[in-house]
PDB file of N, CA and C in Angstrom:
ATOM      1  N   GLU A   1     127.700  78.211 135.351  1.00  0.00           N
ATOM      2  CA  GLU A   1     126.639  78.673 136.128  1.00  0.00           C
ATOM      3  C   GLU A   1     126.264  78.064 137.355  1.00  0.00           C
ATOM      4  N   LYS A   2     126.410  76.607 137.544  1.00  0.00           N
ATOM      5  CA  LYS A   2     126.356  76.013 138.745  1.00  0.00           C
ATOM      6  C   LYS A   2     126.913  76.586 140.039  1.00  0.00           C
ATOM      7  N   ILE A   3     128.321  76.826 139.655  1.00  0.00           N
ATOM      8  CA  ILE A   3     129.149  77.305 140.590  1.00  0.00           C
ATOM      9  C   ILE A   3     128.707  79.176 141.009  1.00  0.00           C
ATOM     10  N   ASP A   4     128.452  79.869 139.978  1.00  0.00           N
ATOM     11  CA  ASP A   4     127.827  81.015 140.142  1.00  0.00           C
ATOM     12  C   ASP A   4     126.717  80.972 140.795  1.00  0.00           C
ATOM     13  N   VAL A   5     125.858  80.448 140.797  1.00  0.00           N
ATOM     14  CA  VAL A   5     124.321  80.386 141.547  1.00  0.00           C
ATOM     15  C   VAL A   5     124.907  79.682 143.089  1.00  0.00           C
ATOM     16  N   SER A   6     125.603  78.767 143.350  1.00  0.00           N
ATOM     17  CA  SER A   6     125.852  78.215 144.577  1.00  0.00           C
ATOM     18  C   SER A   6     126.802  79.024 145.164  1.00  0.00           C
ATOM     19  N   GLN A   7     127.473  79.907 144.813  1.00  0.00           N
ATOM     20  CA  GLN A   7     128.260  80.606 145.554  1.00  0.00           C
ATOM     21  C   GLN A   7     127.663  81.881 145.872  1.00  0.00           C
ATOM     22  N   LYS A   8     126.695  82.507 144.832  1.00  0.00           N
ATOM     23  CA  LYS A   8     125.690  83.528 145.460  1.00  0.00           C
ATOM     24  C   LYS A   8     125.104  83.303 146.619  1.00  0.00           C
ATOM     25  N   ASP A   9     124.572  81.936 146.766  1.00  0.00           N
ATOM     26  CA  ASP A   9     123.709  81.776 147.765  1.00  0.00           C
ATOM     27  C   ASP A   9     124.639  81.504 149.089  1.00  0.00           C
ATOM     28  N   GLU A  10     125.884  81.259 148.818  1.00  0.00           N
ATOM     29  CA  GLU A  10     126.887  80.892 149.965  1.00  0.00           C
ATOM     30  C   GLU A  10     127.193  82.471 150.622  1.00  0.00           C
ATOM     31  N   ILE A  11     127.507  83.036 149.429  1.00  0.00           N
ATOM     32  CA  ILE A  11     127.992  84.418 149.910  1.00  0.00           C
ATOM     33  C   ILE A  11     126.815  85.399 150.514  1.00  0.00           C
ATOM     34  N   ALA A  12     125.708  85.154 150.002  1.00  0.00           N
ATOM     35  CA  ALA A  12     124.708  85.981 150.741  1.00  0.00           C
ATOM     36  C   ALA A  12     124.140  85.112 152.073  1.00  0.00           C
ATOM     37  N   MET A  13     124.451  83.744 152.481  1.00  0.00           N
ATOM     38  CA  MET A  13     124.191  83.493 153.714  1.00  0.00           C
ATOM     39  C   MET A  13     125.257  83.770 154.673  1.00  0.00           C
ATOM     40  N   MET A  14     126.595  83.875 154.282  1.00  0.00           N
ATOM     41  CA  MET A  14     127.687  84.243 154.960  1.00  0.00           C
ATOM     42  C   MET A  14     127.778  85.921 155.306  1.00  0.00           C
ATOM     43  N   ARG A  15     127.201  86.534 154.309  1.00  0.00           N
ATOM     44  CA  ARG A  15     126.945  88.267 154.516  1.00  0.00           C
ATOM     45  C   ARG A  15     125.764  88.243 155.622  1.00  0.00           C
ATOM     46  N   ARG A  16     124.744  87.642 155.468  1.00  0.00           N
ATOM     47  CA  ARG A  16     123.731  87.814 156.374  1.00  0.00           C
ATOM     48  C   ARG A  16     124.090  87.540 157.797  1.00  0.00           C
ATOM     49  N   TRP A  17     124.844  86.316 158.002  1.00  0.00           N
ATOM     50  CA  TRP A  17     125.389  85.855 159.232  1.00  0.00           C
ATOM     51  C   TRP A  17     126.210  86.845 159.797  1.00  0.00           C
ATOM     52  N   LEU A  18     127.101  87.444 159.339  1.00  0.00           N
ATOM     53  CA  LEU A  18     127.891  88.662 159.620  1.00  0.00           C
ATOM     54  C   LEU A  18     127.074  89.601 160.125  1.00  0.00           C
ATOM     55  N   THR A  19     126.290  90.286 159.404  1.00  0.00           N
ATOM     56  CA  THR A  19     125.284  91.261 159.687  1.00  0.00           C
ATOM     57  C   THR A  19     124.707  90.945 160.821  1.00  0.00           C
ATOM     58  N   ASP A  20     123.972  89.855 160.684  1.00  0.00           N
ATOM     59  CA  ASP A  20     123.395  89.465 162.215  1.00  0.00           C
ATOM     60  C   ASP A  20     123.973  89.321 163.302  1.00  0.00           C
ATOM     61  N   HIS A  21     125.227  89.241 163.059  1.00  0.00           N
ATOM     62  CA  HIS A  21     126.156  89.167 164.098  1.00  0.00           C
ATOM     63  C   HIS A  21     127.016  90.234 164.454  1.00  0.00           C
ATOM     64  N   HIS A  22     126.617  91.538 163.950  1.00  0.00           N
ATOM     65  CA  HIS A  22     127.153  92.888 163.940  1.00  0.00           C
ATOM     66  C   HIS A  22     128.812  92.926 163.524  1.00  0.00           C
ATOM     67  N   GLU A  23     129.037  91.994 162.447  1.00  0.00           N
ATOM     68  CA  GLU A  23     130.389  92.065 162.028  1.00  0.00           C
ATOM     69  C   GLU A  23     130.446  92.591 160.790  1.00  0.00           C
ATOM     70  N   ALA A  24     131.359  93.337 160.125  1.00  0.00           N
ATOM     71  CA  ALA A  24     131.561  93.725 158.887  1.00  0.00           C
ATOM     72  C   ALA A  24     131.774  92.719 158.057  1.00  0.00           C
ATOM     73  N   ALA A  25     131.016  93.033 156.825  1.00  0.00           N
ATOM     74  CA  ALA A  25     131.110  91.821 155.728  1.00  0.00           C
ATOM     75  C   ALA A  25     132.111  92.544 154.519  1.00  0.00           C
ATOM     76  N   PRO A  26     132.995  92.094 154.091  1.00  0.00           N
ATOM     77  CA  PRO A  26     133.936  92.426 153.140  1.00  0.00           C
ATOM     78  C   PRO A  26     133.274  92.920 151.921  1.00  0.00           C
ATOM     79  N   ASP A  27     133.869  93.899 151.298  1.00  0.00           N
ATOM     80  CA  ASP A  27     133.632  94.327 150.003  1.00  0.00           C
ATOM     81  C   ASP A  27     133.712  93.405 149.079  1.00  0.00           C
ATOM     82  N   PRO A  28     132.649  92.697 148.300  1.00  0.00           N
ATOM     83  CA  PRO A  28     133.043  91.592 147.189  1.00  0.00           C
ATOM     84  C   PRO A  28     133.679  92.264 145.915  1.00  0.00           C
ATOM     85  N   LEU A  29     133.695  93.588 145.711  1.00  0.00           N
ATOM     86  CA  LEU A  29     134.152  94.100 144.512  1.00  0.00           C
ATOM     87  C   LEU A  29     135.794  94.267 144.854  1.00  0.00           C
ATOM     88  N   ALA A  30     136.079  94.490 146.109  1.00  0.00           N
ATOM     89  CA  ALA A  30     137.521  94.528 146.477  1.00  0.00           C
ATOM     90  C   ALA A  30     138.379  93.213 147.056  1.00  0.00           C
ATOM     91  N   ALA A  31     137.430  92.276 146.951  1.00  0.00           N
ATOM     92  CA  ALA A  31     137.986  90.864 147.652  1.00  0.00           C
ATOM     93  C   ALA A  31     139.563  90.524 147.617  1.00  0.00           C
ATOM     94  N   HIS A  32     139.926  90.461 146.424  1.00  0.00           N
ATOM     95  CA  HIS A  32     141.279  89.873 145.930  1.00  0.00           C
ATOM     96  C   HIS A  32     142.461  90.906 146.687  1.00  0.00           C
ATOM     97  N   GLU A  33     142.076  92.086 146.550  1.00  0.00           N
ATOM     98  CA  GLU A  33     143.179  93.255 146.943  1.00  0.00           C
ATOM     99  C   GLU A  33     143.197  92.834 148.588  1.00  0.00           C
ATOM    100  N   HIS A  34     142.509  92.767 149.257  1.00  0.00           N
ATOM    101  CA  HIS A  34     142.466  92.344 150.946  1.00  0.00           C
ATOM    102  C   HIS A  34     142.898  90.954 151.372  1.00  0.00           C
ATOM    103  N   MET A  35     143.041  90.162 150.329  1.00  0.00           N
ATOM    104  CA  MET A  35     143.636  88.887 150.530  1.00  0.00           C
ATOM    105  C   MET A  35     144.985  89.085 150.753  1.00  0.00           C
ATOM    106  N   VAL A  36     145.731  90.088 150.521  1.00  0.00           N
ATOM    107  CA  VAL A  36     147.303  90.081 150.560  1.00  0.00           C
ATOM    108  C   VAL A  36     147.700  91.137 151.601  1.00  0.00           C
ATOM    109  N   ASP A  37     148.452  90.805 152.477  1.00  0.00           N
ATOM    110  CA  ASP A  37     149.024  91.629 153.898  1.00  0.00           C
ATOM    111  C   ASP A  37     150.057  92.522 153.093  1.00  0.00           C
ATOM    112  N   VAL A  38     150.514  93.290 153.923  1.00  0.00           N
ATOM    113  CA  VAL A  38     151.712  94.240 153.469  1.00  0.00           C
ATOM    114  C   VAL A  38     153.059  93.612 152.961  1.00  0.00           C
ATOM    115  N   ASN A  39     153.452  92.350 153.265  1.00  0.00           N
ATOM    116  CA  ASN A  39     154.338  91.715 152.711  1.00  0.00           C
ATOM    117  C   ASN A  39     153.950  90.913 151.811  1.00  0.00           C
ATOM    118  N   ALA A  40     153.055  90.948 151.166  1.00  0.00           N
ATOM    119  CA  ALA A  40     152.479  90.389 149.744  1.00  0.00           C
ATOM    120  C   ALA A  40     152.380  88.811 150.028  1.00  0.00           C
ATOM    121  N   ARG A  41     151.931  88.436 151.692  1.00  0.00           N
ATOM    122  CA  ARG A  41     151.631  87.057 151.670  1.00  0.00           C
ATOM    123  C   ARG A  41     150.128  87.015 151.586  1.00  0.00           C
ATOM    124  N   MET A  42     149.738  85.674 151.121  1.00  0.00           N
ATOM    125  CA  MET A  42     148.038  85.492 151.172  1.00  0.00           C
ATOM    126  C   MET A  42     147.574  85.513 152.512  1.00  0.00           C
ATOM    127  N   ILE A  43     146.584  86.049 152.917  1.00  0.00           N
ATOM    128  CA  ILE A  43     146.065  86.308 154.267  1.00  0.00           C
ATOM    129  C   ILE A  43     144.793  84.972 154.233  1.00  0.00           C
ATOM    130  N   MET A  44     144.266  84.987 153.110  1.00  0.00           N
ATOM    131  CA  MET A  44     142.857  83.791 152.934  1.00  0.00           C
ATOM    132  C   MET A  44     143.988  82.751 152.082  1.00  0.00           C
ATOM    133  N   PRO A  45     144.050  81.390 152.623  1.00  0.00           N
ATOM    134  CA  PRO A  45     144.557  80.262 152.193  1.00  0.00           C
ATOM    135  C   PRO A  45     144.158  79.944 150.726  1.00  0.00           C
ATOM    136  N   GLY A  46     144.808  79.610 149.919  1.00  0.00           N
ATOM    137  CA  GLY A  46     144.253  79.078 148.414  1.00  0.00           C
ATOM    138  C   GLY A  46     144.134  80.099 147.381  1.00  0.00           C
ATOM    139  N   MET A  47     144.349  81.514 148.100  1.00  0.00           N
ATOM    140  CA  MET A  47     144.508  82.302 146.797  1.00  0.00           C
ATOM    141  C   MET A  47     145.745  82.319 145.817  1.00  0.00           C
ATOM    142  N   LEU A  48     145.317  82.831 144.902  1.00  0.00           N
ATOM    143  CA  LEU A  48     146.132  82.522 143.618  1.00  0.00           C
ATOM    144  C   LEU A  48     147.155  83.906 143.942  1.00  0.00           C
ATOM    145  N   THR A  49     148.308  83.722 143.582  1.00  0.00           N
ATOM    146  CA  THR A  49     149.292  85.116 143.776  1.00  0.00           C
ATOM    147  C   THR A  49     149.124  85.848 142.405  1.00  0.00           C
ATOM    148  N   ALA A  50     149.662  87.098 142.261  1.00  0.00           N
ATOM    149  CA  ALA A  50     149.394  87.936 141.402  1.00  0.00           C
ATOM    150  C   ALA A  50     150.367  87.235 140.114  1.00  0.00           C
ATOM    151  N   GLU A  51     151.460  86.509 140.538  1.00  0.00           N
ATOM    152  CA  GLU A  51     152.441  86.011 139.257  1.00  0.00           C
ATOM    153  C   GLU A  51     151.380  85.092 138.774  1.00  0.00           C
ATOM    154  N   GLN A  52     150.878  84.166 139.761  1.00  0.00           N
ATOM    155  CA  GLN A  52     149.938  83.219 139.058  1.00  0.00           C
ATOM    156  C   GLN A  52     148.818  83.515 138.341  1.00  0.00           C
ATOM    157  N   MET A  53     148.232  84.596 138.810  1.00  0.00           N
ATOM    158  CA  MET A  53     147.098  85.129 137.975  1.00  0.00           C
ATOM    159  C   MET A  53     147.666  85.498 136.639  1.00  0.00           C
ATOM    160  N   ALA A  54     148.739  86.390 136.555  1.00  0.00           N
ATOM    161  CA  ALA A  54     149.324  86.978 135.307  1.00  0.00           C
ATOM    162  C   ALA A  54     149.685  85.665 134.249  1.00  0.00           C
ATOM    163  N   ALA A  55     150.316  84.500 134.906  1.00  0.00           N
ATOM    164  CA  ALA A  55     150.503  83.277 134.022  1.00  0.00           C
ATOM    165  C   ALA A  55     149.259  82.640 133.589  1.00  0.00           C
ATOM    166  N   LEU A  56     148.326  82.860 134.157  1.00  0.00           N
ATOM    167  CA  LEU A  56     146.860  82.519 133.435  1.00  0.00           C
ATOM    168  C   LEU A  56     146.406  83.227 132.576  1.00  0.00           C
ATOM    169  N   ALA A  57     146.569  84.526 132.775  1.00  0.00           N
ATOM    170  CA  ALA A  57     146.039  85.409 131.846  1.00  0.00           C
ATOM    171  C   ALA A  57     147.025  85.211 130.402  1.00  0.00           C
ATOM    172  N   ARG A  58     148.231  84.960 130.544  1.00  0.00           N
ATOM    173  CA  ARG A  58     148.982  84.681 129.384  1.00  0.00           C
ATOM    174  C   ARG A  58     148.888  83.261 128.532  1.00  0.00           C
ATOM    175  N   ALA A  59     148.409  82.473 129.580  1.00  0.00           N
ATOM    176  CA  ALA A  59     148.225  81.025 129.005  1.00  0.00           C
ATOM    177  C   ALA A  59     147.201  80.929 127.740  1.00  0.00           C
ATOM    178  N   LYS A  60     147.366  79.997 127.028  1.00  0.00           N
ATOM    179  CA  LYS A  60     146.103  79.676 126.024  1.00  0.00           C
ATOM    180  C   LYS A  60     145.930  78.269 126.021  1.00  0.00           C
ATOM    181  N   GLY A  61     144.916  77.584 125.365  1.00  0.00           N
ATOM    182  CA  GLY A  61     144.766  76.252 125.014  1.00  0.00           C
ATOM    183  C   GLY A  61     144.909  75.252 126.057  1.00  0.00           C
ATOM    184  N   ALA A  62     145.559  74.225 125.964  1.00  0.00           N
ATOM    185  CA  ALA A  62     145.626  73.152 127.031  1.00  0.00           C
ATOM    186  C   ALA A  62     146.517  73.854 128.204  1.00  0.00           C
ATOM    187  N   GLY A  63     147.404  74.778 127.853  1.00  0.00           N
ATOM    188  CA  GLY A  63     148.279  75.203 129.123  1.00  0.00           C
ATOM    189  C   GLY A  63     147.509  76.032 129.883  1.00  0.00           C
ATOM    190  N   PHE A  64     146.405  76.856 129.443  1.00  0.00           N
ATOM    191  CA  PHE A  64     145.706  77.236 130.255  1.00  0.00           C
ATOM    192  C   PHE A  64     144.742  76.419 130.906  1.00  0.00           C
ATOM    193  N   ASP A  65     144.239  75.337 130.484  1.00  0.00           N
ATOM    194  CA  ASP A  65     143.435  74.431 131.147  1.00  0.00           C
ATOM    195  C   ASP A  65     144.189  73.822 132.398  1.00  0.00           C
ATOM    196  N   ARG A  66     145.511  73.522 131.975  1.00  0.00           N
ATOM    197  CA  ARG A  66     146.253  72.881 133.035  1.00  0.00           C
ATOM    198  C   ARG A  66     146.473  73.861 134.364  1.00  0.00           C
ATOM    199  N   LEU A  67     146.875  75.210 134.098  1.00  0.00           N
ATOM    200  CA  LEU A  67     147.268  76.053 135.146  1.00  0.00           C
ATOM    201  C   LEU A  67     145.676  76.559 135.616  1.00  0.00           C
ATOM    202  N   PHE A  68     144.704  76.665 134.697  1.00  0.00           N
ATOM    203  CA  PHE A  68     143.267  76.971 135.664  1.00  0.00           C
ATOM    204  C   PHE A  68     142.921  75.640 136.855  1.00  0.00           C
ATOM    205  N   LEU A  69     143.072  74.348 136.036  1.00  0.00           N
ATOM    206  CA  LEU A  69     142.680  73.358 137.068  1.00  0.00           C
ATOM    207  C   LEU A  69     143.743  73.523 138.321  1.00  0.00           C
ATOM    208  N   ALA A  70     145.207  73.534 138.063  1.00  0.00           N
ATOM    209  CA  ALA A  70     145.986  73.668 139.345  1.00  0.00           C
ATOM    210  C   ALA A  70     145.698  74.800 140.449  1.00  0.00           C
ATOM    211  N   GLY A  71     145.194  76.082 139.601  1.00  0.00           N
ATOM    212  CA  GLY A  71     144.837  76.999 140.518  1.00  0.00           C
ATOM    213  C   GLY A  71     143.581  76.862 141.206  1.00  0.00           C
ATOM    214  N   MET A  72     142.764  76.346 140.462  1.00  0.00           N
ATOM    215  CA  MET A  72     141.323  75.830 141.325  1.00  0.00           C
ATOM    216  C   MET A  72     141.650  74.900 142.340  1.00  0.00           C
ATOM    217  N   ILE A  73     142.193  73.948 142.278  1.00  0.00           N
ATOM    218  CA  ILE A  73     142.759  72.751 143.116  1.00  0.00           C
ATOM    219  C   ILE A  73     143.353  73.424 144.215  1.00  0.00           C
ATOM    220  N   GLN A  74     144.183  74.338 144.053  1.00  0.00           N
ATOM    221  CA  GLN A  74     145.035  75.265 145.092  1.00  0.00           C
ATOM    222  C   GLN A  74     144.097  76.111 146.003  1.00  0.00           C
ATOM    223  N   HIS A  75     143.001  76.674 145.295  1.00  0.00           N
ATOM    224  CA  HIS A  75     142.023  77.705 145.814  1.00  0.00           C
ATOM    225  C   HIS A  75     140.905  76.779 146.914  1.00  0.00           C
ATOM    226  N   HIS A  76     140.425  75.523 146.144  1.00  0.00           N
ATOM    227  CA  HIS A  76     139.845  74.447 146.874  1.00  0.00           C
ATOM    228  C   HIS A  76     140.499  73.960 148.285  1.00  0.00           C
ATOM    229  N   GLU A  77     141.638  73.796 147.903  1.00  0.00           N
ATOM    230  CA  GLU A  77     142.405  73.334 149.193  1.00  0.00           C
ATOM    231  C   GLU A  77     142.597  74.406 150.351  1.00  0.00           C
ATOM    232  N   GLY A  78     142.569  75.685 149.938  1.00  0.00           N
ATOM    233  CA  GLY A  78     142.587  76.465 150.802  1.00  0.00           C
ATOM    234  C   GLY A  78     141.270  76.583 151.575  1.00  0.00           C
ATOM    235  N   ALA A  79     140.282  76.211 151.108  1.00  0.00           N
ATOM    236  CA  ALA A  79     138.699  76.180 151.554  1.00  0.00           C
ATOM    237  C   ALA A  79     138.695  75.207 152.609  1.00  0.00           C
ATOM    238  N   LEU A  80     139.743  73.997 152.187  1.00  0.00           N
ATOM    239  CA  LEU A  80     139.711  72.827 153.393  1.00  0.00           C
ATOM    240  C   LEU A  80     140.306  73.315 154.544  1.00  0.00           C
ATOM    241  N   THR A  81     141.653  74.023 154.394  1.00  0.00           N
ATOM    242  CA  THR A  81     142.351  74.622 155.413  1.00  0.00           C
ATOM    243  C   THR A  81     141.483  75.640 156.268  1.00  0.00           C
ATOM    244  N   MET A  82     140.652  76.322 155.686  1.00  0.00           N
ATOM    245  CA  MET A  82     139.719  77.310 156.250  1.00  0.00           C
ATOM    246  C   MET A  82     138.920  76.607 157.455  1.00  0.00           C
ATOM    247  N   VAL A  83     138.253  75.517 156.696  1.00  0.00           N
ATOM    248  CA  VAL A  83     137.553  74.573 157.497  1.00  0.00           C
ATOM    249  C   VAL A  83     138.121  73.880 158.723  1.00  0.00           C
ATOM    250  N   ALA A  84     139.097  73.355 158.130  1.00  0.00           N
ATOM    251  CA  ALA A  84     140.122  72.714 159.313  1.00  0.00           C
ATOM    252  C   ALA A  84     140.354  73.541 160.633  1.00  0.00           C
ATOM    253  N   GLU A  85     140.721  74.944 160.311  1.00  0.00           N
ATOM    254  CA  GLU A  85     140.971  76.012 161.149  1.00  0.00           C
ATOM    255  C   GLU A  85     139.708  76.254 162.090  1.00  0.00           C
ATOM    256  N   LEU A  86     138.469  76.265 161.641  1.00  0.00           N
ATOM    257  CA  LEU A  86     137.217  76.816 162.277  1.00  0.00           C
ATOM    258  C   LEU A  86     137.052  75.464 163.109  1.00  0.00           C
ATOM    259  N   PHE A  87     136.977  74.217 162.510  1.00  0.00           N
ATOM    260  CA  PHE A  87     136.827  73.134 163.470  1.00  0.00           C
ATOM    261  C   PHE A  87     137.830  73.030 164.583  1.00  0.00           C
ATOM    262  N   ALA A  88     139.044  73.477 164.345  1.00  0.00           N
ATOM    263  CA  ALA A  88     140.216  73.153 165.485  1.00  0.00           C
ATOM    264  C   ALA A  88     140.044  74.439 166.203  1.00  0.00           C
ATOM    265  N   THR A  89     139.214  75.391 166.009  1.00  0.00           N
ATOM    266  CA  THR A  89     139.086  76.605 167.157  1.00  0.00           C
ATOM    267  C   THR A  89     138.204  76.180 168.244  1.00  0.00           C
ATOM    268  N   PRO A  90     138.558  76.135 169.379  1.00  0.00           N
ATOM    269  CA  PRO A  90     137.587  76.091 170.543  1.00  0.00           C
ATOM    270  C   PRO A  90     136.561  76.739 170.599  1.00  0.00           C
ATOM    271  N   GLY A  91     135.359  76.265 170.651  1.00  0.00           N
ATOM    272  CA  GLY A  91     134.206  77.101 170.617  1.00  0.00           C
ATOM    273  C   GLY A  91     133.732  77.633 169.505  1.00  0.00           C
ATOM    274  N   ALA A  92     134.381  77.247 168.439  1.00  0.00           N
ATOM    275  CA  ALA A  92     134.006  77.474 166.926  1.00  0.00           C
ATOM    276  C   ALA A  92     133.022  76.481 166.292  1.00  0.00           C
ATOM    277  N   ALA A  93     132.149  76.906 165.494  1.00  0.00           N
ATOM    278  CA  ALA A  93     130.978  76.023 164.445  1.00  0.00           C
ATOM    279  C   ALA A  93     130.240  75.306 165.509  1.00  0.00           C
ATOM    280  N   GLN A  94     129.854  75.923 166.781  1.00  0.00           N
ATOM    281  CA  GLN A  94     129.017  75.367 167.642  1.00  0.00           C
ATOM    282  C   GLN A  94     127.778  75.585 167.043  1.00  0.00           C
ATOM    283  N   LEU A  95     127.074  76.580 166.338  1.00  0.00           N
ATOM    284  CA  LEU A  95     125.667  76.782 165.872  1.00  0.00           C
ATOM    285  C   LEU A  95     125.638  75.600 164.678  1.00  0.00           C
ATOM    286  N   SER A  96     124.505  75.218 164.650  1.00  0.00           N
ATOM    287  CA  SER A  96     124.405  73.962 163.660  1.00  0.00           C
ATOM    288  C   SER A  96     124.195  74.906 162.177  1.00  0.00           C
ATOM    289  N   GLU A  97     123.642  75.739 162.247  1.00  0.00           N
ATOM    290  CA  GLU A  97     123.858  76.395 160.737  1.00  0.00           C
ATOM    291  C   GLU A  97     125.402  76.591 160.401  1.00  0.00           C
ATOM    292  N   ILE A  98     126.149  77.077 161.282  1.00  0.00           N
ATOM    293  CA  ILE A  98     127.597  77.270 160.656  1.00  0.00           C
ATOM    294  C   ILE A  98     128.265  75.873 160.566  1.00  0.00           C
ATOM    295  N   PHE A  99     127.995  75.009 161.723  1.00  0.00           N
ATOM    296  CA  PHE A  99     128.474  73.588 161.435  1.00  0.00           C
ATOM    297  C   PHE A  99     127.989  73.008 160.054  1.00  0.00           C
ATOM    298  N   ARG A 100     126.834  72.771 159.952  1.00  0.00           N
ATOM    299  CA  ARG A 100     126.128  72.255 158.714  1.00  0.00           C
ATOM    300  C   ARG A 100     126.948  72.963 157.233  1.00  0.00           C
ATOM    301  N   PHE A 101     127.207  74.291 157.418  1.00  0.00           N
ATOM    302  CA  PHE A 101     127.836  75.184 156.117  1.00  0.00           C
ATOM    303  C   PHE A 101     129.210  74.383 156.032  1.00  0.00           C
ATOM    304  N   ALA A 102     130.086  74.661 157.462  1.00  0.00           N
ATOM    305  CA  ALA A 102     131.264  74.169 156.942  1.00  0.00           C
ATOM    306  C   ALA A 102     131.224  72.728 156.476  1.00  0.00           C
ATOM    307  N   SER A 103     130.631  71.722 157.096  1.00  0.00           N
ATOM    308  CA  SER A 103     130.701  70.496 156.823  1.00  0.00           C
ATOM    309  C   SER A 103     130.246  70.478 155.266  1.00  0.00           C
ATOM    310  N   ASP A 104     129.379  70.831 154.723  1.00  0.00           N
ATOM    311  CA  ASP A 104     129.067  70.895 153.530  1.00  0.00           C
ATOM    312  C   ASP A 104     130.247  71.766 152.471  1.00  0.00           C
ATOM    313  N   VAL A 105     130.744  72.630 153.079  1.00  0.00           N
ATOM    314  CA  VAL A 105     131.929  73.249 152.178  1.00  0.00           C
ATOM    315  C   VAL A 105     133.166  72.114 152.233  1.00  0.00           C
ATOM    316  N   ASP A 106     133.277  71.429 153.292  1.00  0.00           N
ATOM    317  CA  ASP A 106     134.250  70.494 153.248  1.00  0.00           C
ATOM    318  C   ASP A 106     134.238  69.224 152.357  1.00  0.00           C
ATOM    319  N   ALA A 107     132.776  69.002 152.096  1.00  0.00           N
ATOM    320  CA  ALA A 107     132.403  67.817 151.461  1.00  0.00           C
ATOM    321  C   ALA A 107     132.343  68.121 149.860  1.00  0.00           C
ATOM    322  N   ASP A 108     131.951  69.354 149.630  1.00  0.00           N
ATOM    323  CA  ASP A 108     131.912  69.665 148.122  1.00  0.00           C
ATOM    324  C   ASP A 108     133.234  70.100 147.655  1.00  0.00           C
ATOM    325  N   GLN A 109     134.103  70.721 148.439  1.00  0.00           N
ATOM    326  CA  GLN A 109     135.511  71.143 148.068  1.00  0.00           C
ATOM    327  C   GLN A 109     136.283  69.826 147.842  1.00  0.00           C
ATOM    328  N   ARG A 110     136.058  68.720 148.645  1.00  0.00           N
ATOM    329  CA  ARG A 110     136.810  67.500 148.404  1.00  0.00           C
ATOM    330  C   ARG A 110     136.420  66.809 147.187  1.00  0.00           C
ATOM    331  N   ALA A 111     134.946  66.686 146.802  1.00  0.00           N
ATOM    332  CA  ALA A 111     134.617  66.283 145.737  1.00  0.00           C
ATOM    333  C   ALA A 111     135.173  67.021 144.210  1.00  0.00           C
ATOM    334  N   GLU A 112     135.193  68.404 144.452  1.00  0.00           N
ATOM    335  CA  GLU A 112     135.558  69.035 143.182  1.00  0.00           C
ATOM    336  C   GLU A 112     137.251  68.890 143.039  1.00  0.00           C
ATOM    337  N   ILE A 113     137.700  68.745 144.400  1.00  0.00           N
ATOM    338  CA  ILE A 113     139.142  68.572 144.095  1.00  0.00           C
ATOM    339  C   ILE A 113     139.516  67.177 143.342  1.00  0.00           C
ATOM    340  N   ALA A 114     138.739  66.330 143.694  1.00  0.00           N
ATOM    341  CA  ALA A 114     138.798  65.303 143.177  1.00  0.00           C
ATOM    342  C   ALA A 114     138.593  64.972 141.654  1.00  0.00           C
ATOM    343  N   ARG A 115     137.339  65.828 141.567  1.00  0.00           N
ATOM    344  CA  ARG A 115     137.113  65.709 139.812  1.00  0.00           C
ATOM    345  C   ARG A 115     138.174  66.445 139.175  1.00  0.00           C
ATOM    346  N   MET A 116     138.676  67.636 139.529  1.00  0.00           N
ATOM    347  CA  MET A 116     139.744  68.470 138.911  1.00  0.00           C
ATOM    348  C   MET A 116     140.971  67.859 138.703  1.00  0.00           C
ATOM    349  N   ARG A 117     141.412  66.981 139.813  1.00  0.00           N
ATOM    350  CA  ARG A 117     142.445  66.190 139.637  1.00  0.00           C
ATOM    351  C   ARG A 117     142.498  65.438 138.690  1.00  0.00           C
ATOM    352  N   ALA A 118     141.325  64.406 138.318  1.00  0.00           N
ATOM    353  CA  ALA A 118     141.058  63.667 137.189  1.00  0.00           C
ATOM    354  C   ALA A 118     141.037  64.377 136.052  1.00  0.00           C
ATOM    355  N   LEU A 119     140.530  65.457 136.032  1.00  0.00           N
ATOM    356  CA  LEU A 119     140.655  66.305 134.754  1.00  0.00           C
ATOM    357  C   LEU A 119     142.072  66.631 134.372  1.00  0.00           C
ATOM    358  N   LEU A 120     142.715  67.013 135.320  1.00  0.00           N
ATOM    359  CA  LEU A 120     144.100  67.379 135.022  1.00  0.00           C
ATOM    360  C   LEU A 120     145.080  66.222 134.596  1.00  0.00           C
ATOM    361  N   ALA A 121     144.866  64.923 135.257  1.00  0.00           N
ATOM    362  CA  ALA A 121     145.537  64.014 134.789  1.00  0.00           C
ATOM    363  C   ALA A 121     145.180  63.703 133.591  1.00  0.00           C
ATOM    364  N   THR A 122     144.066  63.686 132.872  1.00  0.00           N
ATOM    365  CA  THR A 122     143.678  63.628 131.636  1.00  0.00           C
ATOM    366  C   THR A 122     144.264  64.373 130.695  1.00  0.00           C
ATOM    367  N   LEU A 123     144.364  65.835 131.108  1.00  0.00           N
ATOM    368  CA  LEU A 123     145.151  66.972 130.299  1.00  0.00           C
ATOM    369  C   LEU A 123     146.679  66.528 130.081  1.00  0.00           C
ATOM    370  N   GLN A 124     147.165  66.144 131.317  1.00  0.00           N
ATOM    371  CA  GLN A 124     148.427  65.858 131.431  1.00  0.00           C
ATOM    372  C   GLN A 124     148.799  64.411 130.554  1.00  0.00           C
ATOM    373  N   GLN A 125     148.091  63.596 130.413  1.00  0.00           N
ATOM    374  CA  GLN A 125     148.150  62.557 129.578  1.00  0.00           C
ATOM    375  C   GLN A 125     148.431  62.817 128.326  1.00  0.00           C
ATOM    376  N   GLY A 126     147.516  63.430 127.718  1.00  0.00           N
ATOM    377  CA  GLY A 126     147.526  64.391 126.417  1.00  0.00           C
ATOM    378  C   GLY A 126     148.728  65.276 125.965  1.00  0.00           C
ATOM    379  N   ALA A 127     149.383  65.739 126.850  1.00  0.00           N
ATOM    380  CA  ALA A 127     150.301  66.669 126.618  1.00  0.00           C
ATOM    381  C   ALA A 127     151.638  66.237 126.227  1.00  0.00           C
ATOM    382  N   PRO A 128     152.331  66.969 125.078  1.00  0.00           N
ATOM    383  CA  PRO A 128     153.413  66.324 124.554  1.00  0.00           C
ATOM    384  C   PRO A 128     154.552  66.355 125.624  1.00  0.00           C
ATOM    385  N   LYS A 129     155.068  65.319 125.344  1.00  0.00           N
ATOM    386  CA  LYS A 129     156.451  64.947 126.454  1.00  0.00           C
ATOM    387  C   LYS A 129     157.696  65.686 125.966  1.00  0.00           C
TER     388      LYS A 129
END
């Protein structure tokens, strides 16, 4: 629920920013299809591949938990990549609203990655050898 609420607010802010700057906002219902180019490469860093999503759909129990956490870590690392690319782009993130948002994303994603890595380590310690 916490993730759902925070992401709704973040998505609304980003859509508002795009609209205010006369840019097209992506359709949220078709988001995953637009993350893959014609050569089946991920356009947005951190997105899970169709194969990873299928493996997750087949998994059960602790196996699901491990795949889910690994996938979410990958996804969050993709957000860190996008923030790094933004900050490395000359003239980008000059507006305080965008700089603050990107900085918050970076800090939040790092904290979540650390939390998920700790959970994953706990699951792996309990996994049968």
